[in-house]
C-alpha atoms as a PDB file:
ATOM      1  CA  MET A   1     -97.924  26.101-160.138  1.00  0.00           C
ATOM      2  CA  ASP A   2     -97.121  29.528-161.600  1.00  0.00           C
ATOM      3  CA  VAL A   3     -97.005  32.730-159.567  1.00  0.00           C
ATOM      4  CA  ASP A   4    -100.353  34.479-160.183  1.00  0.00           C
ATOM      5  CA  LEU A   5     -99.686  38.163-160.874  1.00  0.00           C
ATOM      6  CA  LYS A   6    -103.388  38.935-161.320  1.00  0.00           C
ATOM      7  CA  LYS A   7    -104.202  37.573-157.872  1.00  0.00           C
ATOM      8  CA  GLN A   8    -101.413  39.690-156.378  1.00  0.00           C
ATOM      9  CA  THR A   9    -102.856  42.938-157.755  1.00  0.00           C
ATOM     10  CA  GLU A  10    -106.630  42.523-157.826  1.00  0.00           C
ATOM     11  CA  ASP A  11    -107.413  43.806-154.302  1.00  0.00           C
ATOM     12  CA  ARG A  12    -105.500  47.099-154.361  1.00  0.00           C
ATOM     13  CA  PRO A  13    -106.529  50.565-155.551  1.00  0.00           C
ATOM     14  CA  TYR A  14    -102.974  51.418-156.670  1.00  0.00           C
ATOM     15  CA  LYS A  15    -100.831  49.045-158.665  1.00  0.00           C
ATOM     16  CA  VAL A  16     -97.166  49.357-159.694  1.00  0.00           C
ATOM     17  CA  ASN A  17     -96.610  46.741-162.364  1.00  0.00           C
ATOM     18  CA  VAL A  18     -92.825  46.721-162.220  1.00  0.00           C
ATOM     19  CA  LEU A  19     -92.939  46.184-158.453  1.00  0.00           C
ATOM     20  CA  ASP A  20     -95.490  43.382-158.743  1.00  0.00           C
ATOM     21  CA  ARG A  21     -93.375  41.665-161.371  1.00  0.00           C
ATOM     22  CA  SER A  22     -90.222  42.013-159.287  1.00  0.00           C
ATOM     23  CA  VAL A  23     -91.977  40.527-156.259  1.00  0.00           C
ATOM     24  CA  ALA A  24     -93.266  37.690-158.452  1.00  0.00           C
ATOM     25  CA  ILE A  25     -89.693  36.878-159.485  1.00  0.00           C
ATOM     26  CA  MET A  26     -88.515  36.755-155.876  1.00  0.00           C
ATOM     27  CA  GLU A  27     -91.520  34.666-154.812  1.00  0.00           C
ATOM     28  CA  THR A  28     -90.789  32.259-157.664  1.00  0.00           C
ATOM     29  CA  LEU A  29     -87.183  31.867-156.538  1.00  0.00           C
ATOM     30  CA  SER A  30     -88.406  31.283-152.987  1.00  0.00           C
ATOM     31  CA  GLN A  31     -91.019  28.685-153.968  1.00  0.00           C
ATOM     32  CA  PHE A  32     -89.227  26.828-156.756  1.00  0.00           C
ATOM     33  CA  GLY A  33     -85.544  27.479-155.962  1.00  0.00           C
ATOM     34  CA  PRO A  34     -82.959  27.435-154.521  1.00  0.00           C
ATOM     35  CA  SER A  35     -81.828  28.403-158.044  1.00  0.00           C
ATOM     36  CA  LEU A  36     -83.499  28.820-161.443  1.00  0.00           C
ATOM     37  CA  THR A  37     -82.491  29.818-164.958  1.00  0.00           C
ATOM     38  CA  GLN A  38     -83.812  32.998-166.535  1.00  0.00           C
ATOM     39  CA  ALA A  39     -85.997  30.925-168.861  1.00  0.00           C
ATOM     40  CA  GLU A  40     -87.491  28.997-165.942  1.00  0.00           C
ATOM     41  CA  ILE A  41     -88.250  32.230-164.073  1.00  0.00           C
ATOM     42  CA  ALA A  42     -89.888  33.785-167.141  1.00  0.00           C
ATOM     43  CA  LYS A  43     -92.059  30.711-167.657  1.00  0.00           C
ATOM     44  CA  LEU A  44     -93.137  30.440-164.016  1.00  0.00           C
ATOM     45  CA  THR A  45     -94.004  34.151-163.766  1.00  0.00           C
ATOM     46  CA  ASN A  46     -95.581  34.366-167.246  1.00  0.00           C
ATOM     47  CA  LEU A  47     -93.237  37.260-168.034  1.00  0.00           C
ATOM     48  CA  HIS A  48     -91.741  37.946-171.453  1.00  0.00           C
ATOM     49  CA  VAL A  49     -88.112  36.817-171.523  1.00  0.00           C
ATOM     50  CA  SER A  50     -86.806  40.347-172.238  1.00  0.00           C
ATOM     51  CA  THR A  51     -88.898  41.831-169.392  1.00  0.00           C
ATOM     52  CA  CYS A  52     -87.678  39.122-167.036  1.00  0.00           C
ATOM     53  CA  MET A  53     -84.070  39.782-168.049  1.00  0.00           C
ATOM     54  CA  ARG A  54     -84.333  43.532-167.347  1.00  0.00           C
ATOM     55  CA  LEU A  55     -85.918  42.945-163.957  1.00  0.00           C
ATOM     56  CA  LEU A  56     -83.294  40.363-162.987  1.00  0.00           C
ATOM     57  CA  ILE A  57     -80.479  42.752-163.940  1.00  0.00           C
ATOM     58  CA  ASN A  58     -81.911  45.445-161.663  1.00  0.00           C
ATOM     59  CA  LEU A  59     -82.775  43.088-158.816  1.00  0.00           C
ATOM     60  CA  ARG A  60     -79.215  41.786-158.969  1.00  0.00           C
ATOM     61  CA  HIS A  61     -77.881  45.367-158.923  1.00  0.00           C
ATOM     62  CA  HIS A  62     -79.695  45.917-155.623  1.00  0.00           C
ATOM     63  CA  GLY A  63     -78.520  42.604-154.128  1.00  0.00           C
ATOM     64  CA  LEU A  64     -82.019  41.108-154.091  1.00  0.00           C
ATOM     65  CA  VAL A  65     -81.055  38.256-156.388  1.00  0.00           C
ATOM     66  CA  GLY A  66     -77.690  36.661-157.054  1.00  0.00           C
ATOM     67  CA  LYS A  67     -76.347  34.897-160.127  1.00  0.00           C
ATOM     68  CA  ASP A  68     -73.941  31.985-160.440  1.00  0.00           C
ATOM     69  CA  GLU A  69     -71.660  33.051-163.286  1.00  0.00           C
ATOM     70  CA  ASP A  70     -70.734  29.464-164.136  1.00  0.00           C
ATOM     71  CA  SER A  71     -74.233  28.012-164.412  1.00  0.00           C
ATOM     72  CA  GLY A  72     -76.142  31.220-165.173  1.00  0.00           C
ATOM     73  CA  ARG A  73     -78.708  30.320-162.513  1.00  0.00           C
ATOM     74  CA  TYR A  74     -80.322  32.884-160.234  1.00  0.00           C
ATOM     75  CA  ARG A  75     -81.058  32.669-156.498  1.00  0.00           C
ATOM     76  CA  LEU A  76     -82.389  35.000-153.836  1.00  0.00           C
ATOM     77  CA  GLY A  77     -79.805  37.602-152.821  1.00  0.00           C
ATOM     78  CA  TYR A  78     -78.098  38.013-149.479  1.00  0.00           C
ATOM     79  CA  ARG A  79     -79.479  41.515-149.014  1.00  0.00           C
ATOM     80  CA  LEU A  80     -82.787  39.858-148.144  1.00  0.00           C
ATOM     81  CA  ILE A  81     -81.083  38.372-145.093  1.00  0.00           C
ATOM     82  CA  ASP A  82     -80.301  41.873-143.824  1.00  0.00           C
ATOM     83  CA  TRP A  83     -83.909  42.898-144.368  1.00  0.00           C
ATOM     84  CA  ALA A  84     -85.209  39.761-142.677  1.00  0.00           C
ATOM     85  CA  GLU A  85     -83.019  40.324-139.654  1.00  0.00           C
ATOM     86  CA  GLY A  86     -84.182  43.931-139.550  1.00  0.00           C
ATOM     87  CA  ALA A  87     -87.772  42.699-139.514  1.00  0.00           C
ATOM     88  CA  ARG A  88     -86.929  40.519-136.539  1.00  0.00           C
ATOM     89  CA  GLY A  89     -85.606  43.556-134.674  1.00  0.00           C
ATOM     90  CA  SER A  90     -82.584  42.399-132.729  1.00  0.00           C
ATOM     91  CA  SER A  91     -83.391  38.712-133.249  1.00  0.00           C
ATOM     92  CA  GLY A  92     -80.900  37.868-135.996  1.00  0.00           C
ATOM     93  CA  LEU A  93     -79.197  34.513-136.311  1.00  0.00           C
ATOM     94  CA  VAL A  94     -76.408  35.369-133.878  1.00  0.00           C
ATOM     95  CA  ASP A  95     -78.816  36.808-131.311  1.00  0.00           C
ATOM     96  CA  ILE A  96     -80.981  33.694-131.529  1.00  0.00           C
ATOM     97  CA  ALA A  97     -78.026  31.339-131.221  1.00  0.00           C
ATOM     98  CA  ARG A  98     -76.171  33.065-128.365  1.00  0.00           C
ATOM     99  CA  PRO A  99     -78.169  31.766-125.373  1.00  0.00           C
ATOM    100  CA  VAL A 100     -78.081  28.226-126.770  1.00  0.00           C
ATOM    101  CA  MET A 101     -74.342  28.480-127.425  1.00  0.00           C
ATOM    102  CA  ARG A 102     -73.706  29.885-123.951  1.00  0.00           C
ATOM    103  CA  GLU A 103     -75.590  27.013-122.334  1.00  0.00           C
ATOM    104  CA  LEU A 104     -73.682  24.439-124.395  1.00  0.00           C
ATOM    105  CA  CYS A 105     -70.360  26.064-123.505  1.00  0.00           C
ATOM    106  CA  ASN A 106     -71.219  26.177-119.801  1.00  0.00           C
ATOM    107  CA  THR A 107     -72.298  22.528-119.819  1.00  0.00           C
ATOM    108  CA  PHE A 108     -69.060  21.131-121.245  1.00  0.00           C
ATOM    109  CA  ASN A 109     -66.614  23.993-120.651  1.00  0.00           C
ATOM    110  CA  GLU A 110     -65.520  23.699-124.298  1.00  0.00           C
ATOM    111  CA  THR A 111     -65.593  26.253-127.107  1.00  0.00           C
ATOM    112  CA  VAL A 112     -68.830  26.540-129.104  1.00  0.00           C
ATOM    113  CA  VAL A 113     -68.735  28.098-132.595  1.00  0.00           C
ATOM    114  CA  LEU A 114     -71.371  29.368-135.047  1.00  0.00           C
ATOM    115  CA  SER A 115     -70.381  29.463-138.738  1.00  0.00           C
ATOM    116  CA  VAL A 116     -71.993  30.506-142.013  1.00  0.00           C
ATOM    117  CA  MET A 117     -71.211  30.210-145.703  1.00  0.00           C
ATOM    118  CA  SER A 118     -69.816  33.270-147.480  1.00  0.00           C
ATOM    119  CA  GLY A 119     -69.327  32.671-151.193  1.00  0.00           C
ATOM    120  CA  ASP A 120     -66.962  29.722-151.556  1.00  0.00           C
ATOM    121  CA  HIS A 121     -65.804  29.975-147.946  1.00  0.00           C
ATOM    122  CA  ARG A 122     -66.857  29.406-144.374  1.00  0.00           C
ATOM    123  CA  VAL A 123     -66.767  32.251-141.876  1.00  0.00           C
ATOM    124  CA  ASP A 124     -66.998  31.781-138.099  1.00  0.00           C
ATOM    125  CA  ILE A 125     -69.266  34.577-136.831  1.00  0.00           C
ATOM    126  CA  GLU A 126     -69.635  33.885-133.097  1.00  0.00           C
ATOM    127  CA  GLN A 127     -68.039  31.787-130.373  1.00  0.00           C
ATOM    128  CA  PHE A 128     -68.243  31.098-126.655  1.00  0.00           C
ATOM    129  CA  VAL A 129     -64.825  30.048-125.389  1.00  0.00           C
ATOM    130  CA  GLY A 130     -64.354  27.389-122.719  1.00  0.00           C
ATOM    131  CA  ARG A 131     -62.616  28.417-119.505  1.00  0.00           C
ATOM    132  CA  GLN A 132     -60.123  25.559-119.291  1.00  0.00           C
ATOM    133  CA  SER A 133     -56.425  26.431-119.337  1.00  0.00           C
ATOM    134  CA  ILE A 134     -55.991  24.720-122.711  1.00  0.00           C
ATOM    135  CA  ARG A 135     -58.914  25.474-124.982  1.00  0.00           C
ATOM    136  CA  ARG A 136     -59.832  26.070-128.590  1.00  0.00           C
ATOM    137  CA  VAL A 137     -60.199  29.687-129.785  1.00  0.00           C
ATOM    138  CA  VAL A 138     -61.152  30.565-133.369  1.00  0.00           C
ATOM    139  CA  THR A 139     -60.586  33.824-135.241  1.00  0.00           C
ATOM    140  CA  LEU A 140     -63.934  35.300-136.201  1.00  0.00           C
ATOM    141  CA  GLY A 141     -64.539  36.773-139.659  1.00  0.00           C
ATOM    142  CA  VAL A 142     -61.732  34.914-141.442  1.00  0.00           C
ATOM    143  CA  GLU A 143     -62.559  33.035-144.658  1.00  0.00           C
ATOM    144  CA  LYS A 144     -61.819  29.312-144.466  1.00  0.00           C
ATOM    145  CA  PRO A 145     -62.185  26.589-147.121  1.00  0.00           C
ATOM    146  CA  LEU A 146     -65.591  24.943-147.401  1.00  0.00           C
ATOM    147  CA  TYR A 147     -64.243  21.452-148.054  1.00  0.00           C
ATOM    148  CA  ALA A 148     -62.084  21.093-144.925  1.00  0.00           C
ATOM    149  CA  GLY A 149     -63.341  20.883-141.349  1.00  0.00           C
ATOM    150  CA  ALA A 150     -66.539  19.618-139.750  1.00  0.00           C
ATOM    151  CA  ALA A 151     -68.310  22.997-139.824  1.00  0.00           C
ATOM    152  CA  SER A 152     -67.252  23.612-143.419  1.00  0.00           C
ATOM    153  CA  ARG A 153     -68.556  20.281-144.661  1.00  0.00           C
ATOM    154  CA  VAL A 154     -71.837  20.714-142.784  1.00  0.00           C
ATOM    155  CA  LEU A 155     -72.359  23.972-144.694  1.00  0.00           C
ATOM    156  CA  LEU A 156     -71.274  22.368-147.975  1.00  0.00           C
ATOM    157  CA  SER A 157     -73.745  19.517-147.418  1.00  0.00           C
ATOM    158  CA  GLY A 158     -76.577  22.018-147.838  1.00  0.00           C
ATOM    159  CA  LEU A 159     -75.776  22.670-151.505  1.00  0.00           C
ATOM    160  CA  SER A 160     -77.800  21.075-154.277  1.00  0.00           C
ATOM    161  CA  THR A 161     -76.110  18.655-156.666  1.00  0.00           C
ATOM    162  CA  ALA A 162     -75.786  21.362-159.327  1.00  0.00           C
ATOM    163  CA  GLU A 163     -74.414  23.895-156.841  1.00  0.00           C
ATOM    164  CA  LEU A 164     -71.911  21.377-155.472  1.00  0.00           C
ATOM    165  CA  ASP A 165     -70.722  20.420-158.971  1.00  0.00           C
ATOM    166  CA  SER A 166     -70.272  24.107-159.804  1.00  0.00           C
ATOM    167  CA  TYR A 167     -68.312  24.623-156.561  1.00  0.00           C
ATOM    168  CA  LEU A 168     -66.027  21.680-157.328  1.00  0.00           C
ATOM    169  CA  GLU A 169     -65.336  23.084-160.798  1.00  0.00           C
ATOM    170  CA  ARG A 170     -64.246  26.403-159.285  1.00  0.00           C
ATOM    171  CA  VAL A 171     -62.295  25.231-156.253  1.00  0.00           C
ATOM    172  CA  GLU A 172     -59.189  23.073-156.100  1.00  0.00           C
ATOM    173  CA  LEU A 173     -59.228  20.624-153.188  1.00  0.00           C
ATOM    174  CA  GLN A 174     -55.769  21.186-151.744  1.00  0.00           C
ATOM    175  CA  LYS A 175     -54.116  19.013-149.112  1.00  0.00           C
ATOM    176  CA  LEU A 176     -54.086  21.251-146.033  1.00  0.00           C
ATOM    177  CA  ALA A 177     -53.527  18.682-143.279  1.00  0.00           C
ATOM    178  CA  THR A 178     -53.410  14.935-142.609  1.00  0.00           C
ATOM    179  CA  HIS A 179     -57.139  14.289-142.995  1.00  0.00           C
ATOM    180  CA  THR A 180     -58.067  16.832-145.683  1.00  0.00           C
ATOM    181  CA  ILE A 181     -60.371  15.287-148.281  1.00  0.00           C
ATOM    182  CA  THR A 182     -58.970  16.045-151.737  1.00  0.00           C
ATOM    183  CA  ASP A 183     -60.901  13.554-153.866  1.00  0.00           C
ATOM    184  CA  PRO A 184     -64.203  15.032-155.162  1.00  0.00           C
ATOM    185  CA  GLU A 185     -66.063  11.710-155.039  1.00  0.00           C
ATOM    186  CA  GLN A 186     -64.878  11.046-151.494  1.00  0.00           C
ATOM    187  CA  LEU A 187     -65.992  14.539-150.526  1.00  0.00           C
ATOM    188  CA  LYS A 188     -69.425  13.962-152.057  1.00  0.00           C
ATOM    189  CA  ALA A 189     -69.723  10.699-150.122  1.00  0.00           C
ATOM    190  CA  SER A 190     -68.805  12.461-146.876  1.00  0.00           C
ATOM    191  CA  LEU A 191     -71.464  15.121-147.526  1.00  0.00           C
ATOM    192  CA  GLN A 192     -74.111  12.475-148.139  1.00  0.00           C
ATOM    193  CA  GLU A 193     -73.127  10.839-144.847  1.00  0.00           C
ATOM    194  CA  ILE A 194     -73.563  14.190-143.078  1.00  0.00           C
ATOM    195  CA  ARG A 195     -77.046  14.570-144.597  1.00  0.00           C
ATOM    196  CA  GLU A 196     -77.996  11.085-143.435  1.00  0.00           C
ATOM    197  CA  LYS A 197     -76.505  11.299-139.932  1.00  0.00           C
ATOM    198  CA  GLY A 198     -77.324  14.950-139.290  1.00  0.00           C
ATOM    199  CA  TYR A 199     -73.856  15.967-138.107  1.00  0.00           C
ATOM    200  CA  ALA A 200     -70.149  15.997-138.960  1.00  0.00           C
ATOM    201  CA  GLU A 201     -67.164  14.995-136.865  1.00  0.00           C
ATOM    202  CA  ALA A 202     -63.640  15.841-137.925  1.00  0.00           C
ATOM    203  CA  GLY A 203     -60.107  16.820-136.945  1.00  0.00           C
ATOM    204  CA  GLN A 204     -56.866  17.747-138.702  1.00  0.00           C
ATOM    205  CA  GLU A 205     -58.584  18.741-141.940  1.00  0.00           C
ATOM    206  CA  GLN A 206     -57.569  22.422-142.084  1.00  0.00           C
ATOM    207  CA  TYR A 207     -54.466  22.448-139.889  1.00  0.00           C
ATOM    208  CA  GLU A 208     -52.270  19.790-138.335  1.00  0.00           C
ATOM    209  CA  ASP A 209     -52.803  21.326-134.894  1.00  0.00           C
ATOM    210  CA  SER A 210     -56.568  21.761-135.255  1.00  0.00           C
ATOM    211  CA  GLY A 211     -58.862  20.315-132.615  1.00  0.00           C
ATOM    212  CA  MET A 212     -61.727  17.857-132.954  1.00  0.00           C
ATOM    213  CA  GLY A 213     -65.100  19.218-133.950  1.00  0.00           C
ATOM    214  CA  ILE A 214     -68.651  17.910-133.624  1.00  0.00           C
ATOM    215  CA  VAL A 215     -70.977  20.087-135.702  1.00  0.00           C
ATOM    216  CA  ALA A 216     -74.651  20.026-136.714  1.00  0.00           C
ATOM    217  CA  PRO A 217     -76.586  22.131-139.240  1.00  0.00           C
ATOM    218  CA  VAL A 218     -78.896  25.004-138.343  1.00  0.00           C
ATOM    219  CA  LYS A 219     -81.789  24.968-140.787  1.00  0.00           C
ATOM    220  CA  GLY A 220     -84.172  27.632-142.033  1.00  0.00           C
ATOM    221  CA  VAL A 221     -87.878  27.657-142.760  1.00  0.00           C
ATOM    222  CA  ARG A 222     -87.551  25.500-145.917  1.00  0.00           C
ATOM    223  CA  GLY A 223     -85.100  23.070-144.347  1.00  0.00           C
ATOM    224  CA  GLU A 224     -82.111  24.747-145.988  1.00  0.00           C
ATOM    225  CA  VAL A 225     -78.780  24.858-144.128  1.00  0.00           C
ATOM    226  CA  VAL A 226     -78.263  28.435-142.930  1.00  0.00           C
ATOM    227  CA  ALA A 227     -75.439  27.891-140.423  1.00  0.00           C
ATOM    228  CA  ALA A 228     -73.328  25.308-138.616  1.00  0.00           C
ATOM    229  CA  LEU A 229     -73.179  25.045-134.827  1.00  0.00           C
ATOM    230  CA  GLY A 230     -70.656  22.907-133.041  1.00  0.00           C
ATOM    231  CA  VAL A 231     -68.143  22.273-130.285  1.00  0.00           C
ATOM    232  CA  SER A 232     -64.368  22.473-130.823  1.00  0.00           C
ATOM    233  CA  ILE A 233     -62.225  20.389-128.462  1.00  0.00           C
ATOM    234  CA  PRO A 234     -58.434  19.994-128.088  1.00  0.00           C
ATOM    235  CA  ARG A 235     -57.477  16.583-129.482  1.00  0.00           C
ATOM    236  CA  PHE A 236     -55.720  15.404-126.326  1.00  0.00           C
ATOM    237  CA  ARG A 237     -58.951  15.862-124.339  1.00  0.00           C
ATOM    238  CA  TYR A 238     -61.222  14.218-126.884  1.00  0.00           C
ATOM    239  CA  SER A 239     -62.461  10.781-125.856  1.00  0.00           C
ATOM    240  CA  GLU A 240     -65.285   8.416-126.734  1.00  0.00           C
ATOM    241  CA  GLU A 241     -66.913   9.137-123.381  1.00  0.00           C
ATOM    242  CA  LEU A 242     -66.848  12.896-124.040  1.00  0.00           C
ATOM    243  CA  ARG A 243     -68.079  12.378-127.600  1.00  0.00           C
ATOM    244  CA  GLU A 244     -71.076  10.366-126.395  1.00  0.00           C
ATOM    245  CA  ARG A 245     -72.075  13.231-124.110  1.00  0.00           C
ATOM    246  CA  ILE A 246     -71.406  16.116-126.495  1.00  0.00           C
ATOM    247  CA  LEU A 247     -72.944  14.704-129.697  1.00  0.00           C
ATOM    248  CA  PRO A 248     -76.584  14.591-128.520  1.00  0.00           C
ATOM    249  CA  ALA A 249     -76.169  17.998-126.887  1.00  0.00           C
ATOM    250  CA  VAL A 250     -74.912  19.533-130.143  1.00  0.00           C
ATOM    251  CA  LEU A 251     -77.796  17.988-132.092  1.00  0.00           C
ATOM    252  CA  LYS A 252     -80.288  19.302-129.540  1.00  0.00           C
ATOM    253  CA  ALA A 253     -78.733  22.792-129.573  1.00  0.00           C
ATOM    254  CA  ALA A 254     -78.731  23.018-133.387  1.00  0.00           C
ATOM    255  CA  ALA A 255     -82.341  21.826-133.512  1.00  0.00           C
ATOM    256  CA  LYS A 256     -83.347  24.452-130.936  1.00  0.00           C
ATOM    257  CA  VAL A 257     -81.719  27.271-132.923  1.00  0.00           C
ATOM    258  CA  SER A 258     -83.286  25.901-136.125  1.00  0.00           C
ATOM    259  CA  ARG A 259     -86.760  26.062-134.595  1.00  0.00           C
ATOM    260  CA  SER A 260     -86.226  29.671-133.572  1.00  0.00           C
ATOM    261  CA  VAL A 261     -84.760  30.677-136.939  1.00  0.00           C
ATOM    262  CA  SER A 262     -87.604  29.057-138.882  1.00  0.00           C
ATOM    263  CA  GLY A 263     -90.280  30.342-136.524  1.00  0.00           C
ATOM    264  CA  THR A 264     -91.532  26.847-135.594  1.00  0.00           C
ATOM    265  CA  ARG A 265     -90.728  26.889-131.903  1.00  0.00           C
END
C-alpha cells in the first residue's frame, strides 16, 4: 500500500507540498522499512525520482534519515529518537529502564547494564552496580565491538539479513579473547539462536577477564531491538543455580521495559 499524499493534505486550509512529501518519505520508511532504496521510496510515495532524491539529501542533512553507504539504502535517522524522547518529556529510554534496572540489581546484588547500538559499535549507557566487594563495573559511553559479548550480539541480532551482511563486509571479526566468535557463519548461527531463545549468555568474548553476562533485548513499537538489558556477574560467582534464578528475571525485566518503550503497558 502506497502512502497517500492526497489524503494527508485534503483536510487542511494551508498546505506545504515539500513538507507533505518529506513526511510521506519518513512514513514510508517507518511502514515499509527498516531500510529502502531511493527507487523503492519514490515508487511507494508516488514521487518523481529526482524530487525524491532532493528531499532525501535534505532530510539526511538534518539527520532525519540515514544512508548506508555500502548498500545505498535509506533508514529513519537517529535525530528522530531525540525528538521522540523530547515528546515523552523526561521519559526517555534510560529513564524508563532505571527503576526496572534498580529492582533487578537490588534483587541479585549484581551489576545491571543497559546498552544500545551506535553505528558499528555497542555503547553501555546506564548501569546499576552491585554492592558486593567483588563486582562488575562497566565504563559508560565507550564504543565496544558488536560481535563480541552477550549484549553486543543481542543488539546485532536485531539487524536484517541485508544489514548484517553489510556489517560483516565492513568489520573484521578479530580474536579478542578465548570465546570470541570470528567465523561469520558461526556468528550468524549464534544470532539466530538469540532470536529463537530471546536472550544471550556469554563470557570471555571481549576480554579474558570479562565476567559472565545474561542479556535480553528491549524492543520498540514495531518489535525492533532498541537496546539490550542484562546482568554482568564475576565468573567465579557464576553458577547454574544463580543462572536459573537470574535468567527469568532478566527476561521479565527486558519485557517490562519493552512494554513501556512501545507504549503497550
